PDB file of N, CA and C in Angstrom:
ATOM      1  N   MET A   1      85.661  89.106 101.516  1.00  0.00           N
ATOM      2  CA  MET A   1      86.107  90.418 101.943  1.00  0.00           C
ATOM      3  C   MET A   1      85.785  90.572 103.426  1.00  0.00           C
ATOM      4  N   THR A   2      86.781  90.948 104.210  1.00  0.00           N
ATOM      5  CA  THR A   2      86.574  91.105 105.644  1.00  0.00           C
ATOM      6  C   THR A   2      85.952  92.459 105.945  1.00  0.00           C
ATOM      7  N   LYS A   3      85.160  92.479 106.962  1.00  0.00           N
ATOM      8  CA  LYS A   3      84.498  93.717 107.367  1.00  0.00           C
ATOM      9  C   LYS A   3      85.439  94.467 108.301  1.00  0.00           C
ATOM     10  N   MET A   4      85.930  95.599 107.840  1.00  0.00           N
ATOM     11  CA  MET A   4      86.801  96.431 108.662  1.00  0.00           C
ATOM     12  C   MET A   4      85.985  97.583 109.216  1.00  0.00           C
ATOM     13  N   THR A   5      86.363  98.020 110.373  1.00  0.00           N
ATOM     14  CA  THR A   5      85.678  99.169 110.934  1.00  0.00           C
ATOM     15  C   THR A   5      86.582 100.384 110.812  1.00  0.00           C
ATOM     16  N   TYR A   6      85.978 101.531 110.838  1.00  0.00           N
ATOM     17  CA  TYR A   6      86.732 102.770 110.813  1.00  0.00           C
ATOM     18  C   TYR A   6      86.069 103.743 111.770  1.00  0.00           C
ATOM     19  N   PHE A   7      86.829 104.722 112.186  1.00  0.00           N
ATOM     20  CA  PHE A   7      86.317 105.766 113.058  1.00  0.00           C
ATOM     21  C   PHE A   7      86.078 107.007 112.223  1.00  0.00           C
ATOM     22  N   ARG A   8      85.128 107.822 112.645  1.00  0.00           N
ATOM     23  CA  ARG A   8      84.827 109.035 111.906  1.00  0.00           C
ATOM     24  C   ARG A   8      85.733 110.167 112.355  1.00  0.00           C
ATOM     25  N   LEU A   9      86.192 110.915 111.397  1.00  0.00           N
ATOM     26  CA  LEU A   9      86.984 112.100 111.657  1.00  0.00           C
ATOM     27  C   LEU A   9      85.990 113.227 111.905  1.00  0.00           C
ATOM     28  N   LYS A  10      85.996 113.814 113.091  1.00  0.00           N
ATOM     29  CA  LYS A  10      84.967 114.781 113.443  1.00  0.00           C
ATOM     30  C   LYS A  10      85.501 116.161 113.797  1.00  0.00           C
ATOM     31  N   LYS A  11      86.660 116.221 114.421  1.00  0.00           N
ATOM     32  CA  LYS A  11      87.148 117.495 114.943  1.00  0.00           C
ATOM     33  C   LYS A  11      87.741 118.364 113.842  1.00  0.00           C
ATOM     34  N   GLN A  12      87.452 119.655 113.931  1.00  0.00           N
ATOM     35  CA  GLN A  12      87.951 120.611 112.951  1.00  0.00           C
ATOM     36  C   GLN A  12      89.479 120.597 112.899  1.00  0.00           C
ATOM     37  N   ALA A  13      90.128 120.446 114.041  1.00  0.00           N
ATOM     38  CA  ALA A  13      91.598 120.428 114.087  1.00  0.00           C
ATOM     39  C   ALA A  13      92.152 119.241 113.309  1.00  0.00           C
ATOM     40  N   ASP A  14      91.487 118.092 113.372  1.00  0.00           N
ATOM     41  CA  ASP A  14      91.933 116.918 112.624  1.00  0.00           C
ATOM     42  C   ASP A  14      91.808 117.151 111.111  1.00  0.00           C
ATOM     43  N   PHE A  15      90.699 117.756 110.703  1.00  0.00           N
ATOM     44  CA  PHE A  15      90.519 118.079 109.291  1.00  0.00           C
ATOM     45  C   PHE A  15      91.605 119.050 108.830  1.00  0.00           C
ATOM     46  N   GLN A  16      91.861 120.106 109.610  1.00  0.00           N
ATOM     47  CA  GLN A  16      92.859 121.101 109.239  1.00  0.00           C
ATOM     48  C   GLN A  16      94.253 120.493 109.132  1.00  0.00           C
ATOM     49  N   ARG A  17      94.597 119.597 110.051  1.00  0.00           N
ATOM     50  CA  ARG A  17      95.901 118.937 110.024  1.00  0.00           C
ATOM     51  C   ARG A  17      96.071 118.161 108.716  1.00  0.00           C
ATOM     52  N   LEU A  18      95.016 117.448 108.316  1.00  0.00           N
ATOM     53  CA  LEU A  18      95.088 116.694 107.065  1.00  0.00           C
ATOM     54  C   LEU A  18      95.157 117.617 105.853  1.00  0.00           C
ATOM     55  N   PHE A  19      94.370 118.694 105.857  1.00  0.00           N
ATOM     56  CA  PHE A  19      94.385 119.619 104.724  1.00  0.00           C
ATOM     57  C   PHE A  19      95.775 120.220 104.533  1.00  0.00           C
ATOM     58  N   HIS A  20      96.496 120.470 105.620  1.00  0.00           N
ATOM     59  CA  HIS A  20      97.811 121.098 105.526  1.00  0.00           C
ATOM     60  C   HIS A  20      98.936 120.102 105.276  1.00  0.00           C
ATOM     61  N   LYS A  21      98.876 118.907 105.883  1.00  0.00           N
ATOM     62  CA  LYS A  21     100.017 117.995 105.825  1.00  0.00           C
ATOM     63  C   LYS A  21      99.762 116.706 105.055  1.00  0.00           C
ATOM     64  N   GLY A  22      98.518 116.456 104.650  1.00  0.00           N
ATOM     65  CA  GLY A  22      98.208 115.188 103.991  1.00  0.00           C
ATOM     66  C   GLY A  22      98.590 115.163 102.523  1.00  0.00           C
ATOM     67  N   LYS A  23      98.697 113.957 101.985  1.00  0.00           N
ATOM     68  CA  LYS A  23      98.930 113.761 100.554  1.00  0.00           C
ATOM     69  C   LYS A  23      97.577 113.744  99.862  1.00  0.00           C
ATOM     70  N   ARG A  24      97.570 114.073  98.577  1.00  0.00           N
ATOM     71  CA  ARG A  24      96.318 114.154  97.829  1.00  0.00           C
ATOM     72  C   ARG A  24      96.323 113.198  96.647  1.00  0.00           C
ATOM     73  N   ALA A  25      95.153 112.629  96.413  1.00  0.00           N
ATOM     74  CA  ALA A  25      94.931 111.786  95.238  1.00  0.00           C
ATOM     75  C   ALA A  25      93.677 112.301  94.545  1.00  0.00           C
ATOM     76  N   PHE A  26      93.705 112.323  93.214  1.00  0.00           N
ATOM     77  CA  PHE A  26      92.613 112.928  92.461  1.00  0.00           C
ATOM     78  C   PHE A  26      91.969 111.923  91.510  1.00  0.00           C
ATOM     79  N   SER A  27      90.668 112.100  91.300  1.00  0.00           N
ATOM     80  CA  SER A  27      89.927 111.348  90.297  1.00  0.00           C
ATOM     81  C   SER A  27      88.889 112.313  89.712  1.00  0.00           C
ATOM     82  N   PRO A  28      88.179 111.909  88.673  1.00  0.00           N
ATOM     83  CA  PRO A  28      87.190 112.817  88.089  1.00  0.00           C
ATOM     84  C   PRO A  28      86.066 113.230  89.045  1.00  0.00           C
ATOM     85  N   SER A  29      85.732 112.393  90.028  1.00  0.00           N
ATOM     86  CA  SER A  29      84.618 112.728  90.913  1.00  0.00           C
ATOM     87  C   SER A  29      85.037 113.034  92.343  1.00  0.00           C
ATOM     88  N   LEU A  30      86.288 112.738  92.705  1.00  0.00           N
ATOM     89  CA  LEU A  30      86.713 112.854  94.101  1.00  0.00           C
ATOM     90  C   LEU A  30      88.131 113.379  94.227  1.00  0.00           C
ATOM     91  N   THR A  31      88.389 113.981  95.382  1.00  0.00           N
ATOM     92  CA  THR A  31      89.744 114.233  95.836  1.00  0.00           C
ATOM     93  C   THR A  31      89.846 113.565  97.205  1.00  0.00           C
ATOM     94  N   VAL A  32      90.919 112.805  97.422  1.00  0.00           N
ATOM     95  CA  VAL A  32      91.144 112.147  98.700  1.00  0.00           C
ATOM     96  C   VAL A  32      92.419 112.721  99.300  1.00  0.00           C
ATOM     97  N   ILE A  33      92.319 113.173 100.542  1.00  0.00           N
ATOM     98  CA  ILE A  33      93.484 113.641 101.280  1.00  0.00           C
ATOM     99  C   ILE A  33      93.756 112.583 102.342  1.00  0.00           C
ATOM    100  N   TYR A  34      95.003 112.119 102.427  1.00  0.00           N
ATOM    101  CA  TYR A  34      95.293 111.016 103.333  1.00  0.00           C
ATOM    102  C   TYR A  34      96.664 111.156 103.973  1.00  0.00           C
ATOM    103  N   SER A  35      96.819 110.496 105.107  1.00  0.00           N
ATOM    104  CA  SER A  35      98.121 110.319 105.749  1.00  0.00           C
ATOM    105  C   SER A  35      98.048 109.035 106.560  1.00  0.00           C
ATOM    106  N   SER A  36      99.199 108.405 106.769  1.00  0.00           N
ATOM    107  CA  SER A  36      99.198 107.148 107.505  1.00  0.00           C
ATOM    108  C   SER A  36      98.854 107.394 108.972  1.00  0.00           C
ATOM    109  N   ALA A  37      98.293 106.372 109.621  1.00  0.00           N
ATOM    110  CA  ALA A  37      97.808 106.537 110.986  1.00  0.00           C
ATOM    111  C   ALA A  37      97.817 105.198 111.711  1.00  0.00           C
ATOM    112  N   GLU A  38      97.579 105.260 113.015  1.00  0.00           N
ATOM    113  CA  GLU A  38      97.493 104.055 113.848  1.00  0.00           C
ATOM    114  C   GLU A  38      96.204 103.289 113.581  1.00  0.00           C
ATOM    115  N   LYS A  39      95.103 104.024 113.434  1.00  0.00           N
ATOM    116  CA  LYS A  39      93.805 103.394 113.179  1.00  0.00           C
ATOM    117  C   LYS A  39      93.123 104.119 112.026  1.00  0.00           C
ATOM    118  N   MET A  40      92.219 103.432 111.364  1.00  0.00           N
ATOM    119  CA  MET A  40      91.532 103.972 110.200  1.00  0.00           C
ATOM    120  C   MET A  40      90.499 105.008 110.624  1.00  0.00           C
ATOM    121  N   THR A  41      90.622 106.219 110.092  1.00  0.00           N
ATOM    122  CA  THR A  41      89.608 107.248 110.314  1.00  0.00           C
ATOM    123  C   THR A  41      89.253 107.856 108.972  1.00  0.00           C
ATOM    124  N   MET A  42      87.986 108.250 108.815  1.00  0.00           N
ATOM    125  CA  MET A  42      87.520 108.811 107.570  1.00  0.00           C
ATOM    126  C   MET A  42      86.551 109.942 107.852  1.00  0.00           C
ATOM    127  N   GLY A  43      86.721 111.041 107.119  1.00  0.00           N
ATOM    128  CA  GLY A  43      85.811 112.168 107.219  1.00  0.00           C
ATOM    129  C   GLY A  43      85.397 112.593 105.821  1.00  0.00           C
ATOM    130  N   ILE A  44      84.280 113.291 105.745  1.00  0.00           N
ATOM    131  CA  ILE A  44      83.764 113.761 104.457  1.00  0.00           C
ATOM    132  C   ILE A  44      83.506 115.252 104.575  1.00  0.00           C
ATOM    133  N   SER A  45      83.911 115.993 103.565  1.00  0.00           N
ATOM    134  CA  SER A  45      83.669 117.428 103.550  1.00  0.00           C
ATOM    135  C   SER A  45      82.928 117.778 102.264  1.00  0.00           C
ATOM    136  N   VAL A  46      81.679 118.218 102.407  1.00  0.00           N
ATOM    137  CA  VAL A  46      80.848 118.581 101.262  1.00  0.00           C
ATOM    138  C   VAL A  46      80.407 120.027 101.461  1.00  0.00           C
ATOM    139  N   GLY A  47      80.852 120.908 100.572  1.00  0.00           N
ATOM    140  CA  GLY A  47      80.558 122.329 100.700  1.00  0.00           C
ATOM    141  C   GLY A  47      79.179 122.706 100.188  1.00  0.00           C
ATOM    142  N   LYS A  48      78.793 123.945 100.460  1.00  0.00           N
ATOM    143  CA  LYS A  48      77.474 124.417 100.060  1.00  0.00           C
ATOM    144  C   LYS A  48      77.339 124.594  98.551  1.00  0.00           C
ATOM    145  N   LYS A  49      78.470 124.594  97.835  1.00  0.00           N
ATOM    146  CA  LYS A  49      78.393 124.731  96.381  1.00  0.00           C
ATOM    147  C   LYS A  49      77.765 123.502  95.730  1.00  0.00           C
ATOM    148  N   HIS A  50      77.638 122.396  96.495  1.00  0.00           N
ATOM    149  CA  HIS A  50      77.027 121.174  95.972  1.00  0.00           C
ATOM    150  C   HIS A  50      75.507 121.240  95.973  1.00  0.00           C
ATOM    151  N   GLY A  51      74.930 122.158  96.715  1.00  0.00           N
ATOM    152  CA  GLY A  51      73.477 122.281  96.734  1.00  0.00           C
ATOM    153  C   GLY A  51      72.946 122.399  98.144  1.00  0.00           C
ATOM    154  N   LYS A  52      71.653 122.212  98.263  1.00  0.00           N
ATOM    155  CA  LYS A  52      71.004 122.319  99.567  1.00  0.00           C
ATOM    156  C   LYS A  52      71.326 121.101 100.422  1.00  0.00           C
ATOM    157  N   SER A  53      70.894 121.137 101.672  1.00  0.00           N
ATOM    158  CA  SER A  53      71.288 120.111 102.636  1.00  0.00           C
ATOM    159  C   SER A  53      70.855 118.706 102.231  1.00  0.00           C
ATOM    160  N   VAL A  54      69.722 118.571 101.568  1.00  0.00           N
ATOM    161  CA  VAL A  54      69.247 117.252 101.143  1.00  0.00           C
ATOM    162  C   VAL A  54      70.256 116.627 100.178  1.00  0.00           C
ATOM    163  N   VAL A  55      70.749 117.417  99.247  1.00  0.00           N
ATOM    164  CA  VAL A  55      71.714 116.937  98.261  1.00  0.00           C
ATOM    165  C   VAL A  55      73.047 116.617  98.940  1.00  0.00           C
ATOM    166  N   ARG A  56      73.498 117.517  99.816  1.00  0.00           N
ATOM    167  CA  ARG A  56      74.777 117.303 100.508  1.00  0.00           C
ATOM    168  C   ARG A  56      74.725 116.047 101.375  1.00  0.00           C
ATOM    169  N   ASN A  57      73.622 115.817 102.067  1.00  0.00           N
ATOM    170  CA  ASN A  57      73.493 114.621 102.903  1.00  0.00           C
ATOM    171  C   ASN A  57      73.465 113.347 102.055  1.00  0.00           C
ATOM    172  N   ARG A  58      72.849 113.405 100.890  1.00  0.00           N
ATOM    173  CA  ARG A  58      72.836 112.242  99.993  1.00  0.00           C
ATOM    174  C   ARG A  58      74.252 111.921  99.518  1.00  0.00           C
ATOM    175  N   ILE A  59      75.014 112.947  99.175  1.00  0.00           N
ATOM    176  CA  ILE A  59      76.402 112.743  98.752  1.00  0.00           C
ATOM    177  C   ILE A  59      77.192 112.077  99.875  1.00  0.00           C
ATOM    178  N   LYS A  60      76.996 112.533 101.103  1.00  0.00           N
ATOM    179  CA  LYS A  60      77.705 111.945 102.245  1.00  0.00           C
ATOM    180  C   LYS A  60      77.337 110.480 102.426  1.00  0.00           C
ATOM    181  N   ARG A  61      76.050 110.150 102.299  1.00  0.00           N
ATOM    182  CA  ARG A  61      75.628 108.756 102.423  1.00  0.00           C
ATOM    183  C   ARG A  61      76.270 107.889 101.342  1.00  0.00           C
ATOM    184  N   LEU A  62      76.282 108.393 100.109  1.00  0.00           N
ATOM    185  CA  LEU A  62      76.880 107.643  99.005  1.00  0.00           C
ATOM    186  C   LEU A  62      78.378 107.427  99.233  1.00  0.00           C
ATOM    187  N   LEU A  63      79.073 108.469  99.703  1.00  0.00           N
ATOM    188  CA  LEU A  63      80.509 108.342  99.940  1.00  0.00           C
ATOM    189  C   LEU A  63      80.809 107.367 101.074  1.00  0.00           C
ATOM    190  N   ARG A  64      80.018 107.411 102.149  1.00  0.00           N
ATOM    191  CA  ARG A  64      80.239 106.471 103.254  1.00  0.00           C
ATOM    192  C   ARG A  64      80.071 105.035 102.782  1.00  0.00           C
ATOM    193  N   GLU A  65      79.035 104.778 101.994  1.00  0.00           N
ATOM    194  CA  GLU A  65      78.784 103.421 101.506  1.00  0.00           C
ATOM    195  C   GLU A  65      79.871 102.990 100.524  1.00  0.00           C
ATOM    196  N   ALA A  66      80.302 103.879  99.646  1.00  0.00           N
ATOM    197  CA  ALA A  66      81.368 103.548  98.698  1.00  0.00           C
ATOM    198  C   ALA A  66      82.656 103.221  99.449  1.00  0.00           C
ATOM    199  N   PHE A  67      82.953 103.992 100.493  1.00  0.00           N
ATOM    200  CA  PHE A  67      84.156 103.736 101.275  1.00  0.00           C
ATOM    201  C   PHE A  67      84.061 102.395 101.986  1.00  0.00           C
ATOM    202  N   ARG A  68      82.894 102.074 102.552  1.00  0.00           N
ATOM    203  CA  ARG A  68      82.715 100.780 103.228  1.00  0.00           C
ATOM    204  C   ARG A  68      82.969  99.625 102.269  1.00  0.00           C
ATOM    205  N   SER A  69      82.517  99.760 101.033  1.00  0.00           N
ATOM    206  CA  SER A  69      82.635  98.647 100.088  1.00  0.00           C
ATOM    207  C   SER A  69      84.070  98.448  99.586  1.00  0.00           C
ATOM    208  N   VAL A  70      84.877  99.497  99.533  1.00  0.00           N
ATOM    209  CA  VAL A  70      86.247  99.348  99.023  1.00  0.00           C
ATOM    210  C   VAL A  70      87.295  99.339 100.137  1.00  0.00           C
ATOM    211  N   GLN A  71      86.897  99.520 101.357  1.00  0.00           N
ATOM    212  CA  GLN A  71      87.837  99.612 102.478  1.00  0.00           C
ATOM    213  C   GLN A  71      88.660  98.345 102.656  1.00  0.00           C
ATOM    214  N   GLY A  72      88.087  97.193 102.373  1.00  0.00           N
ATOM    215  CA  GLY A  72      88.792  95.932 102.525  1.00  0.00           C
ATOM    216  C   GLY A  72      89.978  95.781 101.594  1.00  0.00           C
ATOM    217  N   GLU A  73      90.015  96.569 100.512  1.00  0.00           N
ATOM    218  CA  GLU A  73      91.121  96.498  99.559  1.00  0.00           C
ATOM    219  C   GLU A  73      92.330  97.313 100.011  1.00  0.00           C
ATOM    220  N   MET A  74      92.153  98.143 101.034  1.00  0.00           N
ATOM    221  CA  MET A  74      93.259  98.980 101.508  1.00  0.00           C
ATOM    222  C   MET A  74      94.217  98.141 102.339  1.00  0.00           C
ATOM    223  N   LYS A  75      95.508  98.380 102.151  1.00  0.00           N
ATOM    224  CA  LYS A  75      96.518  97.572 102.824  1.00  0.00           C
ATOM    225  C   LYS A  75      96.903  98.119 104.194  1.00  0.00           C
ATOM    226  N   GLY A  76      96.887  99.418 104.364  1.00  0.00           N
ATOM    227  CA  GLY A  76      97.299 100.026 105.623  1.00  0.00           C
ATOM    228  C   GLY A  76      96.146 100.721 106.319  1.00  0.00           C
ATOM    229  N   THR A  77      96.491 101.485 107.365  1.00  0.00           N
ATOM    230  CA  THR A  77      95.494 102.300 108.053  1.00  0.00           C
ATOM    231  C   THR A  77      95.858 103.768 107.840  1.00  0.00           C
ATOM    232  N   TYR A  78      94.843 104.575 107.588  1.00  0.00           N
ATOM    233  CA  TYR A  78      95.054 105.965 107.212  1.00  0.00           C
ATOM    234  C   TYR A  78      94.012 106.873 107.853  1.00  0.00           C
ATOM    235  N   HIS A  79      94.364 108.154 107.926  1.00  0.00           N
ATOM    236  CA  HIS A  79      93.382 109.218 108.136  1.00  0.00           C
ATOM    237  C   HIS A  79      93.003 109.662 106.726  1.00  0.00           C
ATOM    238  N   LEU A  80      91.715 109.705 106.421  1.00  0.00           N
ATOM    239  CA  LEU A  80      91.250 110.084 105.083  1.00  0.00           C
ATOM    240  C   LEU A  80      90.202 111.177 105.167  1.00  0.00           C
ATOM    241  N   VAL A  81      90.222 112.090 104.204  1.00  0.00           N
ATOM    242  CA  VAL A  81      89.123 113.023 104.003  1.00  0.00           C
ATOM    243  C   VAL A  81      88.704 112.891 102.550  1.00  0.00           C
ATOM    244  N   LEU A  82      87.422 112.664 102.321  1.00  0.00           N
ATOM    245  CA  LEU A  82      86.889 112.541 100.971  1.00  0.00           C
ATOM    246  C   LEU A  82      86.219 113.855 100.594  1.00  0.00           C
ATOM    247  N   LEU A  83      86.615 114.407  99.451  1.00  0.00           N
ATOM    248  CA  LEU A  83      86.054 115.664  98.957  1.00  0.00           C
ATOM    249  C   LEU A  83      85.444 115.412  97.583  1.00  0.00           C
ATOM    250  N   PRO A  84      84.121 115.424  97.467  1.00  0.00           N
ATOM    251  CA  PRO A  84      83.515 115.216  96.151  1.00  0.00           C
ATOM    252  C   PRO A  84      83.636 116.473  95.292  1.00  0.00           C
ATOM    253  N   LYS A  85      83.686 116.261  93.993  1.00  0.00           N
ATOM    254  CA  LYS A  85      83.705 117.387  93.061  1.00  0.00           C
ATOM    255  C   LYS A  85      82.278 117.654  92.610  1.00  0.00           C
ATOM    256  N   VAL A  86      81.998 118.894  92.254  1.00  0.00           N
ATOM    257  CA  VAL A  86      80.648 119.274  91.837  1.00  0.00           C
ATOM    258  C   VAL A  86      80.322 118.585  90.517  1.00  0.00           C
ATOM    259  N   ALA A  87      79.147 117.962  90.455  1.00  0.00           N
ATOM    260  CA  ALA A  87      78.710 117.260  89.250  1.00  0.00           C
ATOM    261  C   ALA A  87      77.194 117.391  89.115  1.00  0.00           C
ATOM    262  N   GLU A  88      76.701 117.032  87.939  1.00  0.00           N
ATOM    263  CA  GLU A  88      75.256 117.049  87.702  1.00  0.00           C
ATOM    264  C   GLU A  88      74.566 115.971  88.525  1.00  0.00           C
ATOM    265  N   GLU A  89      75.131 114.760  88.493  1.00  0.00           N
ATOM    266  CA  GLU A  89      74.556 113.639  89.231  1.00  0.00           C
ATOM    267  C   GLU A  89      75.664 112.916  89.984  1.00  0.00           C
ATOM    268  N   TYR A  90      75.278 112.298  91.083  1.00  0.00           N
ATOM    269  CA  TYR A  90      76.218 111.543  91.896  1.00  0.00           C
ATOM    270  C   TYR A  90      75.705 110.111  91.989  1.00  0.00           C
ATOM    271  N   SER A  91      76.606 109.135  91.797  1.00  0.00           N
ATOM    272  CA  SER A  91      76.162 107.748  91.881  1.00  0.00           C
ATOM    273  C   SER A  91      77.145 106.934  92.710  1.00  0.00           C
ATOM    274  N   LEU A  92      76.630 105.918  93.354  1.00  0.00           N
ATOM    275  CA  LEU A  92      77.433 105.032  94.190  1.00  0.00           C
ATOM    276  C   LEU A  92      78.486 104.316  93.349  1.00  0.00           C
ATOM    277  N   LYS A  93      78.097 103.827  92.182  1.00  0.00           N
ATOM    278  CA  LYS A  93      79.032 103.088  91.318  1.00  0.00           C
ATOM    279  C   LYS A  93      80.223 103.955  90.913  1.00  0.00           C
ATOM    280  N   THR A  94      79.957 105.213  90.593  1.00  0.00           N
ATOM    281  CA  THR A  94      81.036 106.117  90.196  1.00  0.00           C
ATOM    282  C   THR A  94      82.005 106.330  91.343  1.00  0.00           C
ATOM    283  N   PHE A  95      81.474 106.619  92.544  1.00  0.00           N
ATOM    284  CA  PHE A  95      82.337 106.824  93.703  1.00  0.00           C
ATOM    285  C   PHE A  95      83.146 105.562  94.014  1.00  0.00           C
ATOM    286  N   GLU A  96      82.515 104.392  93.962  1.00  0.00           N
ATOM    287  CA  GLU A  96      83.220 103.137  94.231  1.00  0.00           C
ATOM    288  C   GLU A  96      84.350 102.911  93.230  1.00  0.00           C
ATOM    289  N   ARG A  97      84.042 103.107  91.953  1.00  0.00           N
ATOM    290  CA  ARG A  97      85.035 102.877  90.900  1.00  0.00           C
ATOM    291  C   ARG A  97      86.228 103.819  91.057  1.00  0.00           C
ATOM    292  N   HIS A  98      85.951 105.085  91.344  1.00  0.00           N
ATOM    293  CA  HIS A  98      87.046 106.044  91.469  1.00  0.00           C
ATOM    294  C   HIS A  98      87.860 105.813  92.744  1.00  0.00           C
ATOM    295  N   LEU A  99      87.202 105.401  93.826  1.00  0.00           N
ATOM    296  CA  LEU A  99      87.949 105.067  95.044  1.00  0.00           C
ATOM    297  C   LEU A  99      88.860 103.867  94.811  1.00  0.00           C
ATOM    298  N   GLN A 100      88.351 102.843  94.126  1.00  0.00           N
ATOM    299  CA  GLN A 100      89.168 101.667  93.831  1.00  0.00           C
ATOM    300  C   GLN A 100      90.382 102.037  92.987  1.00  0.00           C
ATOM    301  N   CYS A 101      90.183 102.888  91.990  1.00  0.00           N
ATOM    302  CA  CYS A 101      91.300 103.318  91.140  1.00  0.00           C
ATOM    303  C   CYS A 101      92.346 104.065  91.959  1.00  0.00           C
ATOM    304  N   MET A 102      91.909 104.925  92.861  1.00  0.00           N
ATOM    305  CA  MET A 102      92.859 105.687  93.678  1.00  0.00           C
ATOM    306  C   MET A 102      93.617 104.780  94.644  1.00  0.00           C
ATOM    307  N   ILE A 103      92.937 103.773  95.190  1.00  0.00           N
ATOM    308  CA  ILE A 103      93.602 102.835  96.103  1.00  0.00           C
ATOM    309  C   ILE A 103      94.714 102.093  95.366  1.00  0.00           C
ATOM    310  N   LYS A 104      94.426 101.649  94.147  1.00  0.00           N
ATOM    311  CA  LYS A 104      95.435 100.939  93.361  1.00  0.00           C
ATOM    312  C   LYS A 104      96.565 101.879  92.939  1.00  0.00           C
ATOM    313  N   LYS A 105      96.203 103.070  92.474  1.00  0.00           N
ATOM    314  CA  LYS A 105      97.190 104.019  91.969  1.00  0.00           C
ATOM    315  C   LYS A 105      98.128 104.513  93.067  1.00  0.00           C
ATOM    316  N   GLU A 106      97.569 104.842  94.218  1.00  0.00           N
ATOM    317  CA  GLU A 106      98.365 105.398  95.317  1.00  0.00           C
ATOM    318  C   GLU A 106      98.925 104.307  96.224  1.00  0.00           C
ATOM    319  N   LYS A 107      98.584 103.055  95.959  1.00  0.00           N
ATOM    320  CA  LYS A 107      99.023 101.909  96.774  1.00  0.00           C
ATOM    321  C   LYS A 107      98.646 102.074  98.242  1.00  0.00           C
ATOM    322  N   LEU A 108      97.396 102.455  98.465  1.00  0.00           N
ATOM    323  CA  LEU A 108      96.882 102.627  99.835  1.00  0.00           C
ATOM    324  C   LEU A 108      96.549 101.283 100.442  1.00  0.00           C
TER     325      LEU A 108
END
């Protein structure tokens, strides 16, 4: 598996553009909003309904690592926003498995 790099989506305007014009893919633990792009960018949005900052930061770390591990399976380059769904527990394996399923299903 080749190591691909991606850029972080940081600006509020970029997030808003994706929320309004991007396509959506759903899984039991995640929603992914995406659109095709020149270079790979990825952002994560975790709301306060997930818990305090310690919990939200852990979710972000897990999502970044899950994305790194499955990124090599993606065929194109996209702007992505990962939105986790509220759950009792969050695990790296679950996020990885659901990301892989969405990549295959949506042919990303």
